[in-house]
Amino acid sequence: MRATGCRPLVKTSDPLKKNKPRKSIKKIDSKKLIDKLLQQEFQTELKNRFQVLQELDTAVENLCSYKVSPTLYKQLRQVCEDHVRAQILQFREYPFLVHKNIIMIRSIFLFLDRTYVLQNSLLPSIWDMGLELFRKHIISDKLVQNKTIDGILLLIERERNGETVDRSLLRSLLSMLSDLQVYKESFEQKFLEETNCLYAAEGQRLMQEREVPEYLHHVNKRLEEEGDRVITYLDHSTQKLLIACVEKQLLGEHLTAILQKGLDNLLDENRISDLTQTYQLFSRVKGGQQILLQNWSEYIKNFGTTIVVNPEKDKDMVQELLDFKDKVDHIIEACFQKNEKFINLMKESFETFINKRPNKPAELIAKHVDSKLRAGNKEATDEELERILDKIMIIFRFIHGKDVFEAFYKKDLAKRLLVGKSASVDAEKSMLSKLKHECGAAFTSKLEGMFKDMELSKDVMIQFKQYMQNQSDPGNIDLTVNILTMGYWPTYTPVEVHLTPEMVKLQEVFKTFYLGKHSGRKLQWQTTLGHAVLKAEFKEGKKEFHVSLFQTLVLLMFNEGDEFIFEEIKMATGVEDSELRRTLQSLACGKARVLIKNPKGKDVEDGDKFLFNGDFKHKLFRIKINQIQMKETVCIKILLLFPSILILCLAYLYVLAELTLLCIFSNIFLILGGLCPKLV
């Protein structure tokens, strides 16, 4: 049985005995083979290396086929260990070559690695074996380790200083440390310590030397550079700690100093790109966004306060507030990524500074609305006007004195409605709708009532015109009256003046007409709202003057004489003293001087004489003489002195015991025939 069993083995082995490669393999000693391949690694020229390595690889495969793998592996380990020990001095000078040797050895003994080693779980792979030997004999050597780490750190320092270094060398060395599992303990800790010291010193120095935009640009550049190092040659596990170190030393330690030194300038100059960079960098640091929020709020409060509290800026206050609001909105959108925290704090800051001066902002906002809704405003189309009103409403939300706004808005709305100065009924109603949405129906109920009164007054005037046509003496004066509910409209101080007989007659005609339809009502007239167009003849020719009722009464006196003193005019017109002085100032001391004051001067004093200016000249045919207005406040009753309109109009207020109404006379053409050679 045994002889039979051996024969096939002999037979199968006979052909192999005749095989020349087999005979040559038997003669190869594994230790000599390993020595040979190591020598070939260092000494073989590049052009012959591929052929030699192929032969060695074939030899290893043949050895493994003859079941000498355990011996081969053991001897390989011993030869490698001896080789490493023998070359330790060289490794201290140039340690990364070992890394390449391990790769080459593994490629030659790949067959051994994938067969014998793979089947023995307790054996380390050839790669791991090489790393273990290198770690044991080379990296554990303090001289090698220190020199290697110091060399790596020196190269990184040079690169940070702007020099060009061999990045592939750094990548190989750090990859080797990572493979040897000594990256963190031998390199990373020391690397981060040096990085921390470098950027701490750099941050202190550059904060003194550079302006904020330049400094932030440098910080951003440093962060990009360190991120690139992680990608190129550092281990990815270092990224978080490295970036945190840079952020802390270049940003975290200087947050307050950066903002105090440069934020206001960036905001004043509207430097969008720099502000965007500031927000992005501060958002990376713990607490950075919060301190930026605080400084953002302080800037808004300080800048806004300079607009609000300075009386010299009252003329342009609202427009400056609107421009400032547009500016901060754009910064929030373009730089702060529409961050809700910045939006909410901006609103709080606006509300804080805009109410530091009680009542005045509310008054000026109302006047600004009036300037936009008044006829003659050619600054904007309907769409642009709507956008302007929306922006004004945003500012309106911040003010606390909304009742003050309502008082001035009502007064200005009354002016626009009563003298036909509203630019657009649609725009008026749009603004009313916005106020209603913002403040509720109770806030706008009286304002809505004003519009209703104007509509009802149109119907009344249609009936009055028909009534006048049926009169035996309709007269040559066209009268328009507005019937207004007193509770809806501003309160006007009644003023008694001496009207001309023609005016009194017209007043009685309307009184008869109206009381005939509304018996039991009592009329009380308001004279401060009257306006007229007077036709006058001068040496230069005829002119038309658009004047108030008080101005009208004064000018009509000069139909009876050429010269009057102040006391005579006061007695004849019945106009209150201070009101009369302002009226005479507008006629004798303004741009259109229809009267001559003697003595000359801006103020009207007792005993001053006033003469009709027959030599009056003006390039325009129709001339508007504005009444000098009394200063308005929220503490006294509002006295309205309207600009003149294109026709002679008398405005009066009347009240009923049961129902208080406001009646406005307008559109009265006064033609006195030949009674007046000067004023016709």
Foldseek 3Di string as FASTA:
>chain_A
DVVVVCVVVCVVCVVVVVDPVSVVLVVDDLLVLLVVVVCCVPPPDPVCSVVVLVVLLVSLVSCVVVVCLVVNVVSNLVVLLVVCVVCQVVCLVPVLVLVVVLVSVCVSNVVSQVPVVVVDVVDDGSSVSSLVSCCVRHCVPPSSLVSLQVVLLVQVVVVVVPDDDDLVVLQSSLVSCVVSVCNVVRHLVVSLVVLLVVLLVVQVVCLVVDALLVLLVVLVVVLVVLVVSCVRHHPVVSNVSNSLSSLCRNPVVCLVVSCVRDVLVCLVVVVQVSLLSQLVSLVVDVCSNVVVLVSLLVSLLVVLLVLAVDPVNLVCSLVVVLVSVVSQVCSCVRRVVVDVSSVVSNLVSLLVRNPPPPLSVLLSLLVVLLQLFFAPPPPDDPVVSLVVLVSSVSSVLSHPPNVSNLQNNLQSVCLCLQQVGTRDPVSVVSSLVSCCVRPNPVSCVLVVQQVVQSVVQVVVLVVVVVVLVPDPDSDDWRKGKGKFFPVSHADADAADKDDDPVVVVVVVSVVVVVCVVVPQFWWFWHFQQFWAWWWWAAPVGIAIETGGPLLVLQVVVCLVHFKDFPVVSCVRTVGDDVQNFQSQLLQCVDPQNQWHWPPDDNGRDGGIMIGGDRVGDDPDRYYWRFGDDDDDDPVDGDHDRHTGHDHGWGFIATQTPVTGIGMTIGRTHDDPDPSGPTID
